[in-house]
N, C-alpha and C. Protein backbone atom coordinates (compact mmCIF):
# COMPACT_ATOMS: atom_id res chain seq x y z
N MET A 1 -20.18 5.94 18.38
CA MET A 1 -19.12 6.61 17.62
C MET A 1 -19.20 6.21 16.15
N GLU A 2 -19.12 7.19 15.24
CA GLU A 2 -19.20 6.90 13.82
C GLU A 2 -17.95 6.17 13.33
N GLU A 3 -18.13 5.50 12.18
CA GLU A 3 -17.05 4.70 11.61
C GLU A 3 -15.78 5.52 11.39
N ASN A 4 -15.92 6.70 10.81
CA ASN A 4 -14.75 7.54 10.53
C ASN A 4 -14.05 7.97 11.81
N GLU A 5 -14.82 8.25 12.85
CA GLU A 5 -14.23 8.64 14.13
C GLU A 5 -13.44 7.48 14.73
N LYS A 6 -13.95 6.26 14.59
CA LYS A 6 -13.24 5.10 15.11
C LYS A 6 -11.93 4.88 14.35
N LEU A 7 -11.96 5.11 13.06
CA LEU A 7 -10.73 4.99 12.27
C LEU A 7 -9.70 6.01 12.71
N LEU A 8 -10.11 7.26 12.84
CA LEU A 8 -9.17 8.31 13.24
C LEU A 8 -8.62 8.06 14.64
N GLU A 9 -9.47 7.54 15.51
CA GLU A 9 -9.02 7.21 16.87
C GLU A 9 -7.98 6.09 16.82
N HIS A 10 -8.21 5.12 15.95
CA HIS A 10 -7.28 4.01 15.75
C HIS A 10 -5.93 4.53 15.25
N TYR A 11 -5.97 5.42 14.27
CA TYR A 11 -4.73 5.98 13.73
C TYR A 11 -3.98 6.78 14.80
N LYS A 12 -4.71 7.58 15.54
CA LYS A 12 -4.07 8.41 16.56
C LYS A 12 -3.39 7.55 17.62
N LYS A 13 -4.03 6.45 17.99
CA LYS A 13 -3.48 5.58 19.03
C LYS A 13 -2.16 4.93 18.59
N TYR A 14 -2.10 4.50 17.33
CA TYR A 14 -0.95 3.72 16.89
C TYR A 14 0.05 4.49 16.01
N ILE A 15 -0.39 5.56 15.36
CA ILE A 15 0.49 6.31 14.46
C ILE A 15 0.71 7.74 14.94
N GLY A 16 -0.37 8.38 15.38
CA GLY A 16 -0.27 9.77 15.82
C GLY A 16 -1.33 10.62 15.14
N ASP A 17 -1.21 11.92 15.32
CA ASP A 17 -2.17 12.85 14.70
C ASP A 17 -1.88 12.99 13.21
N GLN A 18 -2.94 13.03 12.43
CA GLN A 18 -2.76 13.24 10.99
C GLN A 18 -2.24 14.64 10.72
N SER A 19 -1.44 14.77 9.68
CA SER A 19 -0.87 16.07 9.31
C SER A 19 -1.74 16.80 8.30
N LEU A 20 -2.27 16.07 7.34
CA LEU A 20 -3.12 16.67 6.32
C LEU A 20 -3.86 15.58 5.57
N ILE A 21 -4.88 15.99 4.80
CA ILE A 21 -5.64 15.06 3.97
C ILE A 21 -5.57 15.54 2.53
N ASN A 22 -5.14 14.66 1.66
CA ASN A 22 -5.10 14.94 0.23
C ASN A 22 -6.43 14.47 -0.35
N VAL A 23 -7.30 15.43 -0.69
CA VAL A 23 -8.67 15.12 -1.08
C VAL A 23 -8.78 14.93 -2.59
N GLU A 24 -9.48 13.88 -2.99
CA GLU A 24 -9.77 13.67 -4.40
C GLU A 24 -11.13 14.29 -4.70
N THR A 25 -11.16 15.21 -5.62
CA THR A 25 -12.40 15.95 -5.89
C THR A 25 -13.15 15.44 -7.11
N ILE A 26 -12.44 14.80 -8.04
CA ILE A 26 -13.08 14.29 -9.26
C ILE A 26 -12.75 12.81 -9.41
N SER A 27 -13.80 11.99 -9.60
CA SER A 27 -13.59 10.56 -9.75
C SER A 27 -14.75 9.95 -10.52
N ASP A 28 -14.44 8.93 -11.33
CA ASP A 28 -15.49 8.23 -12.07
C ASP A 28 -16.19 7.19 -11.20
N SER A 29 -15.59 6.84 -10.07
CA SER A 29 -16.22 5.87 -9.17
C SER A 29 -16.22 6.45 -7.76
N ILE A 30 -15.61 5.78 -6.81
CA ILE A 30 -15.55 6.31 -5.45
C ILE A 30 -14.38 7.27 -5.31
N ASN A 31 -14.50 8.20 -4.39
CA ASN A 31 -13.40 9.12 -4.09
C ASN A 31 -12.47 8.47 -3.08
N ILE A 32 -11.20 8.47 -3.39
CA ILE A 32 -10.19 7.95 -2.47
C ILE A 32 -9.34 9.12 -1.98
N ASN A 33 -9.57 9.53 -0.74
CA ASN A 33 -8.74 10.55 -0.12
C ASN A 33 -7.52 9.90 0.50
N LEU A 34 -6.50 10.68 0.76
CA LEU A 34 -5.27 10.15 1.35
C LEU A 34 -4.97 10.89 2.64
N ILE A 35 -4.93 10.14 3.74
CA ILE A 35 -4.58 10.71 5.03
C ILE A 35 -3.07 10.61 5.20
N ILE A 36 -2.44 11.73 5.48
CA ILE A 36 -0.98 11.78 5.53
C ILE A 36 -0.50 12.08 6.94
N PHE A 37 0.37 11.21 7.42
CA PHE A 37 1.02 11.39 8.72
C PHE A 37 2.49 11.68 8.41
N LYS A 38 2.89 12.90 8.59
CA LYS A 38 4.26 13.29 8.23
C LYS A 38 5.29 12.67 9.18
N ALA A 39 6.49 12.52 8.65
CA ALA A 39 7.60 12.01 9.45
C ALA A 39 7.83 12.91 10.66
N ASN A 40 8.21 12.29 11.77
CA ASN A 40 8.50 13.04 12.99
C ASN A 40 9.60 12.35 13.77
N ASP A 41 9.82 12.79 15.00
CA ASP A 41 10.92 12.23 15.80
C ASP A 41 10.69 10.75 16.14
N ASN A 42 9.43 10.34 16.22
CA ASN A 42 9.12 8.95 16.56
C ASN A 42 9.06 8.04 15.35
N ARG A 43 8.69 8.61 14.22
CA ARG A 43 8.58 7.84 12.98
C ARG A 43 9.26 8.67 11.88
N ASN A 44 10.44 8.24 11.46
CA ASN A 44 11.23 9.05 10.53
C ASN A 44 10.88 8.78 9.07
N TYR A 45 9.62 8.56 8.80
CA TYR A 45 9.09 8.32 7.46
C TYR A 45 7.64 8.78 7.44
N HIS A 46 7.15 9.14 6.25
CA HIS A 46 5.75 9.51 6.09
C HIS A 46 4.89 8.25 6.00
N THR A 47 3.69 8.32 6.55
CA THR A 47 2.73 7.23 6.44
C THR A 47 1.50 7.75 5.70
N ILE A 48 1.13 7.10 4.62
CA ILE A 48 -0.03 7.51 3.82
C ILE A 48 -1.07 6.39 3.90
N ILE A 49 -2.31 6.74 4.23
CA ILE A 49 -3.38 5.74 4.33
C ILE A 49 -4.57 6.19 3.49
N THR A 50 -5.14 5.27 2.73
CA THR A 50 -6.33 5.60 1.94
C THR A 50 -7.53 5.79 2.85
N SER A 51 -8.47 6.59 2.37
CA SER A 51 -9.72 6.82 3.08
C SER A 51 -10.86 6.79 2.07
N GLY A 52 -11.76 5.84 2.20
CA GLY A 52 -12.88 5.72 1.28
C GLY A 52 -13.01 4.33 0.69
N MET A 53 -11.92 3.60 0.63
CA MET A 53 -11.94 2.25 0.05
C MET A 53 -12.87 1.32 0.82
N SER A 54 -12.89 1.45 2.14
CA SER A 54 -13.66 0.53 2.98
C SER A 54 -15.13 0.93 3.12
N LEU A 55 -15.54 1.98 2.44
CA LEU A 55 -16.96 2.37 2.50
C LEU A 55 -17.84 1.32 1.85
N LEU A 56 -17.30 0.64 0.83
CA LEU A 56 -18.05 -0.39 0.12
C LEU A 56 -17.35 -1.73 0.26
N PRO A 57 -18.11 -2.83 0.34
CA PRO A 57 -17.49 -4.16 0.50
C PRO A 57 -16.85 -4.64 -0.79
N ALA A 58 -15.74 -5.36 -0.65
CA ALA A 58 -15.11 -6.00 -1.80
C ALA A 58 -15.86 -7.29 -2.12
N ASP A 59 -15.69 -7.76 -3.34
CA ASP A 59 -16.38 -8.96 -3.81
C ASP A 59 -15.59 -10.20 -3.39
N VAL A 60 -15.69 -10.56 -2.11
CA VAL A 60 -14.89 -11.65 -1.55
C VAL A 60 -15.67 -12.97 -1.57
N PRO A 61 -14.95 -14.11 -1.63
CA PRO A 61 -15.61 -15.41 -1.47
C PRO A 61 -16.19 -15.52 -0.06
N GLU A 62 -17.15 -16.38 0.13
CA GLU A 62 -17.81 -16.52 1.43
C GLU A 62 -16.84 -16.88 2.54
N ASP A 63 -15.79 -17.64 2.21
CA ASP A 63 -14.85 -18.08 3.25
C ASP A 63 -13.71 -17.08 3.47
N ASP A 64 -13.76 -15.93 2.83
CA ASP A 64 -12.72 -14.91 3.00
C ASP A 64 -13.31 -13.57 3.41
N ASN A 65 -14.32 -13.61 4.26
CA ASN A 65 -15.01 -12.39 4.68
C ASN A 65 -14.10 -11.41 5.42
N GLU A 66 -12.99 -11.91 5.97
CA GLU A 66 -12.10 -11.02 6.71
C GLU A 66 -11.47 -9.96 5.81
N TRP A 67 -11.51 -10.18 4.48
CA TRP A 67 -10.93 -9.22 3.53
C TRP A 67 -12.00 -8.38 2.84
N LYS A 68 -13.17 -8.35 3.40
CA LYS A 68 -14.29 -7.63 2.78
C LYS A 68 -14.07 -6.12 2.78
N TYR A 69 -13.43 -5.63 3.85
CA TYR A 69 -13.19 -4.19 3.97
C TYR A 69 -11.71 -3.95 4.24
N THR A 70 -11.07 -3.17 3.39
CA THR A 70 -9.64 -2.89 3.58
C THR A 70 -9.35 -1.42 3.29
N GLU A 71 -8.25 -0.96 3.86
CA GLU A 71 -7.65 0.32 3.49
C GLU A 71 -6.17 0.05 3.23
N LEU A 72 -5.58 0.82 2.33
CA LEU A 72 -4.20 0.63 1.91
C LEU A 72 -3.27 1.65 2.55
N MET A 73 -2.01 1.27 2.68
CA MET A 73 -1.00 2.14 3.27
C MET A 73 0.26 2.15 2.41
N MET A 74 1.02 3.21 2.52
CA MET A 74 2.34 3.25 1.92
C MET A 74 3.25 4.11 2.79
N TYR A 75 4.51 3.69 2.90
CA TYR A 75 5.50 4.44 3.68
C TYR A 75 6.48 5.11 2.71
N LEU A 76 6.69 6.41 2.92
CA LEU A 76 7.61 7.17 2.08
C LEU A 76 8.73 7.76 2.94
N PRO A 77 9.94 7.90 2.39
CA PRO A 77 11.03 8.51 3.15
C PRO A 77 10.70 9.95 3.51
N SER A 78 11.30 10.44 4.59
CA SER A 78 10.99 11.78 5.09
C SER A 78 11.32 12.87 4.07
N SER A 79 12.21 12.60 3.13
CA SER A 79 12.59 13.59 2.12
C SER A 79 11.55 13.72 1.00
N TRP A 80 10.58 12.83 0.96
CA TRP A 80 9.59 12.82 -0.13
C TRP A 80 8.56 13.92 0.12
N PRO A 81 8.28 14.78 -0.88
CA PRO A 81 7.27 15.82 -0.69
C PRO A 81 5.87 15.21 -0.57
N VAL A 82 5.10 15.67 0.41
CA VAL A 82 3.75 15.13 0.61
C VAL A 82 2.68 16.22 0.54
N ASN A 83 3.08 17.49 0.61
CA ASN A 83 2.11 18.57 0.41
C ASN A 83 1.80 18.70 -1.08
N LYS A 84 0.54 18.96 -1.41
CA LYS A 84 0.15 19.05 -2.82
C LYS A 84 1.02 20.03 -3.59
N GLU A 85 1.29 21.19 -2.98
CA GLU A 85 2.06 22.20 -3.68
C GLU A 85 3.52 21.79 -3.87
N GLY A 86 3.98 20.80 -3.11
CA GLY A 86 5.36 20.35 -3.22
C GLY A 86 5.55 19.23 -4.21
N ILE A 87 4.44 18.63 -4.65
CA ILE A 87 4.52 17.52 -5.60
C ILE A 87 4.42 18.08 -7.01
N GLU A 88 5.56 18.30 -7.64
CA GLU A 88 5.60 18.99 -8.93
C GLU A 88 5.80 18.04 -10.11
N LYS A 89 6.39 16.88 -9.88
CA LYS A 89 6.72 15.97 -10.97
C LYS A 89 6.07 14.61 -10.74
N PHE A 90 5.90 13.86 -11.84
CA PHE A 90 5.32 12.52 -11.73
C PHE A 90 6.21 11.62 -10.88
N ASN A 91 7.52 11.87 -10.90
CA ASN A 91 8.43 11.09 -10.07
C ASN A 91 8.07 11.19 -8.59
N GLU A 92 7.42 12.28 -8.21
CA GLU A 92 7.02 12.49 -6.81
C GLU A 92 5.57 12.08 -6.58
N TYR A 93 4.77 12.08 -7.64
CA TYR A 93 3.33 11.84 -7.49
C TYR A 93 2.92 10.37 -7.51
N TRP A 94 3.69 9.51 -8.18
CA TRP A 94 3.20 8.16 -8.46
C TRP A 94 2.75 7.37 -7.23
N PRO A 95 3.38 7.47 -6.04
CA PRO A 95 2.84 6.71 -4.90
C PRO A 95 1.40 7.08 -4.57
N PHE A 96 1.09 8.36 -4.65
CA PHE A 96 -0.26 8.83 -4.34
C PHE A 96 -1.24 8.35 -5.41
N GLY A 97 -0.80 8.40 -6.66
CA GLY A 97 -1.64 7.93 -7.75
C GLY A 97 -1.93 6.44 -7.65
N TRP A 98 -0.93 5.67 -7.26
CA TRP A 98 -1.12 4.23 -7.13
C TRP A 98 -2.04 3.89 -5.97
N LEU A 99 -1.92 4.60 -4.87
CA LEU A 99 -2.83 4.34 -3.75
C LEU A 99 -4.27 4.59 -4.17
N ARG A 100 -4.49 5.66 -4.91
CA ARG A 100 -5.85 5.95 -5.38
C ARG A 100 -6.33 4.89 -6.38
N LYS A 101 -5.45 4.54 -7.30
CA LYS A 101 -5.80 3.53 -8.30
C LYS A 101 -6.16 2.20 -7.65
N LEU A 102 -5.34 1.76 -6.72
CA LEU A 102 -5.60 0.48 -6.07
C LEU A 102 -6.78 0.56 -5.12
N GLY A 103 -7.03 1.75 -4.56
CA GLY A 103 -8.19 1.92 -3.68
C GLY A 103 -9.50 1.69 -4.41
N LYS A 104 -9.50 1.95 -5.71
CA LYS A 104 -10.71 1.77 -6.52
C LYS A 104 -10.75 0.41 -7.22
N PHE A 105 -9.61 -0.24 -7.29
CA PHE A 105 -9.45 -1.46 -8.08
C PHE A 105 -10.45 -2.56 -7.71
N PRO A 106 -10.61 -2.92 -6.43
CA PRO A 106 -11.55 -4.00 -6.10
C PRO A 106 -12.98 -3.72 -6.53
N LEU A 107 -13.42 -2.48 -6.38
CA LEU A 107 -14.78 -2.12 -6.77
C LEU A 107 -14.93 -2.15 -8.29
N GLU A 108 -13.98 -1.58 -8.99
CA GLU A 108 -14.08 -1.49 -10.45
C GLU A 108 -13.90 -2.85 -11.13
N LYS A 109 -13.08 -3.72 -10.53
CA LYS A 109 -12.80 -5.03 -11.14
C LYS A 109 -13.59 -6.16 -10.48
N GLU A 110 -14.43 -5.83 -9.51
CA GLU A 110 -15.23 -6.82 -8.78
C GLU A 110 -14.34 -7.93 -8.21
N THR A 111 -13.33 -7.50 -7.46
CA THR A 111 -12.39 -8.44 -6.87
C THR A 111 -12.08 -8.01 -5.44
N TRP A 112 -11.00 -8.51 -4.87
CA TRP A 112 -10.64 -8.19 -3.49
C TRP A 112 -9.13 -8.34 -3.34
N PHE A 113 -8.60 -7.75 -2.28
CA PHE A 113 -7.17 -7.78 -2.00
C PHE A 113 -6.89 -8.54 -0.70
N CYS A 114 -5.72 -9.17 -0.65
CA CYS A 114 -5.21 -9.73 0.60
C CYS A 114 -3.69 -9.75 0.52
N TYR A 115 -3.04 -10.11 1.64
CA TYR A 115 -1.59 -10.15 1.68
C TYR A 115 -1.05 -11.09 0.58
N GLY A 116 0.02 -10.64 -0.07
CA GLY A 116 0.66 -11.47 -1.08
C GLY A 116 0.21 -11.19 -2.50
N ASP A 117 -0.88 -10.45 -2.66
CA ASP A 117 -1.33 -10.10 -4.00
C ASP A 117 -0.31 -9.20 -4.69
N THR A 118 -0.21 -9.33 -6.00
CA THR A 118 0.65 -8.45 -6.79
C THR A 118 -0.17 -7.83 -7.91
N ILE A 119 0.11 -6.57 -8.19
CA ILE A 119 -0.60 -5.84 -9.25
C ILE A 119 0.45 -5.25 -10.18
N PRO A 120 0.58 -5.78 -11.40
CA PRO A 120 1.57 -5.27 -12.35
C PRO A 120 1.12 -3.97 -13.00
N ASN A 121 2.08 -3.19 -13.45
CA ASN A 121 1.79 -1.94 -14.15
C ASN A 121 1.71 -2.22 -15.65
N GLY A 122 0.57 -2.76 -16.07
CA GLY A 122 0.36 -3.05 -17.48
C GLY A 122 0.72 -4.47 -17.86
N ASP A 123 0.54 -4.79 -19.14
CA ASP A 123 0.85 -6.12 -19.67
C ASP A 123 1.45 -5.95 -21.07
N PRO A 124 2.78 -6.07 -21.18
CA PRO A 124 3.73 -6.43 -20.12
C PRO A 124 3.95 -5.28 -19.15
N PRO A 125 4.37 -5.60 -17.92
CA PRO A 125 4.58 -4.56 -16.91
C PRO A 125 5.68 -3.58 -17.32
N GLU A 126 5.44 -2.31 -17.04
CA GLU A 126 6.41 -1.25 -17.33
C GLU A 126 6.75 -0.51 -16.04
N PRO A 127 7.89 0.21 -16.01
CA PRO A 127 8.23 0.99 -14.82
C PRO A 127 7.12 1.96 -14.44
N VAL A 128 6.89 2.11 -13.15
CA VAL A 128 5.79 2.96 -12.67
C VAL A 128 6.10 4.44 -12.80
N ALA A 129 7.38 4.79 -12.96
CA ALA A 129 7.78 6.20 -13.09
C ALA A 129 9.17 6.27 -13.72
N PRO A 130 9.53 7.40 -14.31
CA PRO A 130 10.84 7.53 -14.97
C PRO A 130 12.03 7.38 -14.03
N ASN A 131 11.83 7.62 -12.73
CA ASN A 131 12.97 7.62 -11.81
C ASN A 131 13.22 6.28 -11.13
N ASN A 132 12.53 5.22 -11.59
CA ASN A 132 12.76 3.91 -10.98
C ASN A 132 12.40 2.81 -11.97
N LYS A 133 12.70 1.56 -11.57
CA LYS A 133 12.40 0.41 -12.43
C LYS A 133 11.40 -0.54 -11.79
N PHE A 134 10.65 -0.06 -10.80
CA PHE A 134 9.59 -0.88 -10.23
C PHE A 134 8.49 -1.09 -11.27
N THR A 135 8.01 -2.32 -11.39
CA THR A 135 6.97 -2.61 -12.39
C THR A 135 5.67 -3.12 -11.78
N SER A 136 5.67 -3.37 -10.48
CA SER A 136 4.47 -3.95 -9.85
C SER A 136 4.37 -3.50 -8.40
N MET A 137 3.21 -3.75 -7.83
CA MET A 137 2.98 -3.49 -6.41
C MET A 137 2.68 -4.80 -5.69
N LEU A 138 3.29 -4.96 -4.54
CA LEU A 138 3.10 -6.14 -3.70
C LEU A 138 2.36 -5.72 -2.44
N LEU A 139 1.35 -6.49 -2.04
CA LEU A 139 0.57 -6.17 -0.85
C LEU A 139 1.06 -6.98 0.34
N LEU A 140 1.35 -6.28 1.43
CA LEU A 140 1.98 -6.89 2.61
C LEU A 140 1.24 -6.51 3.88
N PRO A 141 1.43 -7.29 4.95
CA PRO A 141 0.90 -6.86 6.26
C PRO A 141 1.71 -5.69 6.79
N PRO A 142 1.12 -4.85 7.63
CA PRO A 142 1.84 -3.68 8.17
C PRO A 142 2.75 -4.07 9.33
N ILE A 143 3.82 -4.80 9.03
CA ILE A 143 4.63 -5.42 10.08
C ILE A 143 5.39 -4.42 10.94
N ARG A 144 5.56 -3.18 10.49
CA ARG A 144 6.27 -2.21 11.33
C ARG A 144 5.33 -1.60 12.37
N GLU A 145 4.04 -1.92 12.29
CA GLU A 145 3.08 -1.41 13.26
C GLU A 145 2.83 -2.43 14.37
N ASN A 146 2.26 -1.97 15.47
CA ASN A 146 1.80 -2.86 16.53
C ASN A 146 0.78 -3.84 15.94
N GLU A 147 0.81 -5.09 16.38
CA GLU A 147 -0.11 -6.09 15.83
C GLU A 147 -1.57 -5.69 16.01
N ASP A 148 -1.87 -4.94 17.05
CA ASP A 148 -3.25 -4.51 17.28
C ASP A 148 -3.70 -3.48 16.25
N PHE A 149 -2.76 -2.95 15.48
CA PHE A 149 -3.12 -1.99 14.44
C PHE A 149 -3.68 -2.67 13.19
N TYR A 150 -3.31 -3.93 12.97
CA TYR A 150 -3.59 -4.62 11.71
C TYR A 150 -5.04 -4.52 11.26
N SER A 151 -5.98 -4.46 12.19
CA SER A 151 -7.39 -4.34 11.85
C SER A 151 -8.11 -3.57 12.95
N VAL A 152 -9.26 -3.00 12.60
CA VAL A 152 -10.07 -2.27 13.57
C VAL A 152 -11.54 -2.58 13.32
N ARG A 153 -12.24 -2.89 14.39
CA ARG A 153 -13.67 -3.16 14.29
C ARG A 153 -14.42 -1.85 14.44
N VAL A 154 -15.14 -1.44 13.41
CA VAL A 154 -15.83 -0.15 13.43
C VAL A 154 -17.32 -0.29 13.68
N SER A 155 -17.83 -1.51 13.57
CA SER A 155 -19.24 -1.77 13.90
C SER A 155 -19.38 -3.26 14.18
N GLU A 156 -20.56 -3.66 14.57
CA GLU A 156 -20.79 -5.07 14.90
C GLU A 156 -20.56 -5.96 13.68
N GLU A 157 -20.85 -5.43 12.51
CA GLU A 157 -20.76 -6.22 11.29
C GLU A 157 -19.51 -5.94 10.47
N LYS A 158 -18.69 -4.98 10.88
CA LYS A 158 -17.64 -4.52 9.98
C LYS A 158 -16.29 -4.36 10.67
N THR A 159 -15.30 -5.05 10.12
CA THR A 159 -13.91 -4.90 10.55
C THR A 159 -13.06 -4.53 9.34
N ILE A 160 -12.24 -3.52 9.50
CA ILE A 160 -11.39 -3.03 8.41
C ILE A 160 -9.96 -3.51 8.64
N ARG A 161 -9.36 -4.08 7.60
CA ARG A 161 -7.98 -4.54 7.66
C ARG A 161 -7.08 -3.59 6.87
N PHE A 162 -5.83 -3.49 7.30
CA PHE A 162 -4.89 -2.58 6.66
C PHE A 162 -3.82 -3.37 5.91
N VAL A 163 -3.51 -2.89 4.71
CA VAL A 163 -2.59 -3.58 3.81
C VAL A 163 -1.55 -2.58 3.29
N VAL A 164 -0.29 -2.94 3.37
CA VAL A 164 0.79 -2.08 2.89
C VAL A 164 1.08 -2.35 1.42
N VAL A 165 1.21 -1.28 0.65
CA VAL A 165 1.55 -1.36 -0.77
C VAL A 165 3.05 -1.11 -0.91
N SER A 166 3.74 -2.08 -1.49
CA SER A 166 5.20 -1.98 -1.63
C SER A 166 5.61 -2.22 -3.08
N PRO A 167 6.31 -1.28 -3.72
CA PRO A 167 6.71 -1.46 -5.11
C PRO A 167 7.84 -2.48 -5.24
N ILE A 168 7.77 -3.30 -6.29
CA ILE A 168 8.80 -4.32 -6.51
C ILE A 168 9.24 -4.32 -7.98
N TYR A 169 10.43 -4.91 -8.20
CA TYR A 169 10.98 -5.02 -9.55
C TYR A 169 10.36 -6.21 -10.30
N GLN A 170 10.51 -6.21 -11.62
CA GLN A 170 9.95 -7.28 -12.44
C GLN A 170 10.51 -8.65 -12.03
N GLU A 171 11.82 -8.71 -11.78
CA GLU A 171 12.42 -9.99 -11.38
C GLU A 171 11.87 -10.47 -10.04
N GLU A 172 11.57 -9.53 -9.15
CA GLU A 172 10.98 -9.90 -7.86
C GLU A 172 9.55 -10.40 -8.04
N LEU A 173 8.82 -9.79 -8.96
CA LEU A 173 7.47 -10.27 -9.27
C LEU A 173 7.52 -11.71 -9.77
N GLU A 174 8.43 -11.97 -10.70
CA GLU A 174 8.55 -13.31 -11.28
C GLU A 174 9.01 -14.32 -10.23
N TYR A 175 9.91 -13.90 -9.36
CA TYR A 175 10.39 -14.78 -8.29
C TYR A 175 9.25 -15.12 -7.33
N ASN A 176 8.44 -14.13 -7.02
CA ASN A 176 7.29 -14.33 -6.14
C ASN A 176 6.29 -15.31 -6.77
N LEU A 177 6.03 -15.16 -8.06
CA LEU A 177 5.08 -16.04 -8.74
C LEU A 177 5.61 -17.47 -8.81
N THR A 178 6.93 -17.62 -8.89
CA THR A 178 7.53 -18.95 -9.01
C THR A 178 7.74 -19.62 -7.65
N HIS A 179 8.23 -18.86 -6.68
CA HIS A 179 8.64 -19.44 -5.40
C HIS A 179 7.72 -19.10 -4.24
N GLY A 180 6.87 -18.11 -4.40
CA GLY A 180 5.95 -17.74 -3.32
C GLY A 180 6.42 -16.55 -2.51
N LEU A 181 5.47 -15.99 -1.77
CA LEU A 181 5.74 -14.77 -1.00
C LEU A 181 6.80 -14.98 0.07
N GLU A 182 6.74 -16.10 0.77
CA GLU A 182 7.69 -16.33 1.87
C GLU A 182 9.12 -16.31 1.36
N ALA A 183 9.35 -16.92 0.21
CA ALA A 183 10.70 -16.94 -0.37
C ALA A 183 11.15 -15.54 -0.76
N LEU A 184 10.24 -14.75 -1.30
CA LEU A 184 10.60 -13.37 -1.67
C LEU A 184 10.92 -12.55 -0.43
N LEU A 185 10.14 -12.71 0.62
CA LEU A 185 10.41 -11.96 1.85
C LEU A 185 11.76 -12.35 2.45
N GLU A 186 12.16 -13.60 2.27
CA GLU A 186 13.48 -14.02 2.73
C GLU A 186 14.58 -13.30 1.94
N LYS A 187 14.34 -13.08 0.65
CA LYS A 187 15.29 -12.31 -0.16
C LYS A 187 15.36 -10.87 0.34
N PHE A 188 14.21 -10.31 0.68
CA PHE A 188 14.19 -8.95 1.23
C PHE A 188 15.01 -8.88 2.51
N ASP A 189 14.84 -9.87 3.37
CA ASP A 189 15.61 -9.90 4.63
C ASP A 189 17.10 -10.03 4.34
N GLU A 190 17.44 -10.84 3.37
CA GLU A 190 18.84 -11.07 3.02
C GLU A 190 19.52 -9.77 2.59
N TYR A 191 18.78 -8.91 1.91
CA TYR A 191 19.34 -7.65 1.39
C TYR A 191 18.91 -6.43 2.21
N ASP A 192 18.32 -6.68 3.37
CA ASP A 192 17.88 -5.59 4.26
C ASP A 192 16.92 -4.63 3.57
N VAL A 193 16.01 -5.16 2.79
CA VAL A 193 14.99 -4.35 2.12
C VAL A 193 13.76 -4.29 3.03
N ASN A 194 13.26 -3.08 3.27
CA ASN A 194 12.06 -2.94 4.10
C ASN A 194 10.92 -2.34 3.28
N ASP A 195 9.84 -1.97 3.96
CA ASP A 195 8.63 -1.52 3.25
C ASP A 195 8.55 -0.01 3.07
N ILE A 196 9.61 0.72 3.37
CA ILE A 196 9.65 2.16 3.07
C ILE A 196 10.14 2.31 1.63
N VAL A 197 9.40 3.04 0.81
CA VAL A 197 9.75 3.18 -0.60
C VAL A 197 11.15 3.76 -0.76
N ASP A 198 11.98 3.08 -1.54
CA ASP A 198 13.33 3.54 -1.84
C ASP A 198 13.58 3.28 -3.32
N VAL A 199 13.53 4.33 -4.13
CA VAL A 199 13.65 4.15 -5.58
C VAL A 199 15.04 3.70 -6.00
N CYS A 200 16.00 3.75 -5.08
CA CYS A 200 17.37 3.34 -5.39
C CYS A 200 17.74 2.00 -4.76
N ARG A 201 16.77 1.32 -4.18
CA ARG A 201 17.11 0.09 -3.46
C ARG A 201 17.57 -1.01 -4.42
N VAL A 202 18.27 -1.99 -3.86
CA VAL A 202 18.77 -3.11 -4.63
C VAL A 202 17.61 -3.96 -5.15
N ASN A 203 17.81 -4.53 -6.33
CA ASN A 203 16.88 -5.53 -6.86
C ASN A 203 17.31 -6.87 -6.30
N THR A 204 16.53 -7.44 -5.40
CA THR A 204 16.94 -8.64 -4.67
C THR A 204 16.95 -9.90 -5.53
N CYS A 205 16.37 -9.84 -6.72
CA CYS A 205 16.27 -11.02 -7.59
C CYS A 205 16.82 -10.71 -8.98
N GLU A 206 17.81 -9.84 -9.06
CA GLU A 206 18.30 -9.38 -10.36
C GLU A 206 18.87 -10.50 -11.20
N SER A 207 19.48 -11.48 -10.54
CA SER A 207 20.02 -12.61 -11.28
C SER A 207 18.88 -13.46 -11.83
N LYS A 208 18.83 -13.66 -13.13
CA LYS A 208 17.77 -14.44 -13.77
C LYS A 208 17.76 -15.88 -13.25
N ASP A 209 18.93 -16.38 -12.82
CA ASP A 209 19.01 -17.75 -12.33
C ASP A 209 18.11 -17.96 -11.12
N LEU A 210 17.91 -16.88 -10.34
CA LEU A 210 17.10 -17.01 -9.13
C LEU A 210 15.66 -17.36 -9.43
N ILE A 211 15.16 -16.89 -10.56
CA ILE A 211 13.74 -17.04 -10.87
C ILE A 211 13.39 -18.49 -11.18
N THR A 212 14.32 -19.22 -11.80
CA THR A 212 14.01 -20.59 -12.22
C THR A 212 14.64 -21.66 -11.34
N ASP A 213 15.54 -21.27 -10.43
CA ASP A 213 16.20 -22.27 -9.57
C ASP A 213 15.18 -23.02 -8.73
């Protein structure tokens, strides 16, 4: 069975049938397509997964080979437009743009991704879109999925791991850098923040005192 077939089989087993593929036709490096699983009765949110990132190995240290091949994911609320013709404004497009941008990032920057990594939107970080104040992306394990979904072995030499991209506020980025990922996730739990994108969600670290305490 080919690598792509094994991936699709993996998705079908744990997520369901794909609804559509958002194809990237022009790129200066690798093409990052987006596989879209629309919200349904079993999953009341859209699931977006990159396709193409794992074709090439990331530049990982010898002792971190488990992160050599990855694909990224993002969860969007069911009200979010996911068909190309329905995405009319940048406020609706930015999640797709970020998945593509991050899908190319390890290859272009000769680096690699793992859980807990943060990627700011510029220096200094700026809001990712006019309709929200998120300034960075946080990489997380796909905890809403079955644990067997976390990775898939597609060949004897190759295992692909899945990483969720979650937008965060500037204060949350600073809190994470100061106190660590575990402490930030505890703040998320305290405020019932999950990994489905919500542009109106509470900023769990809005108080500046939290960052330096």
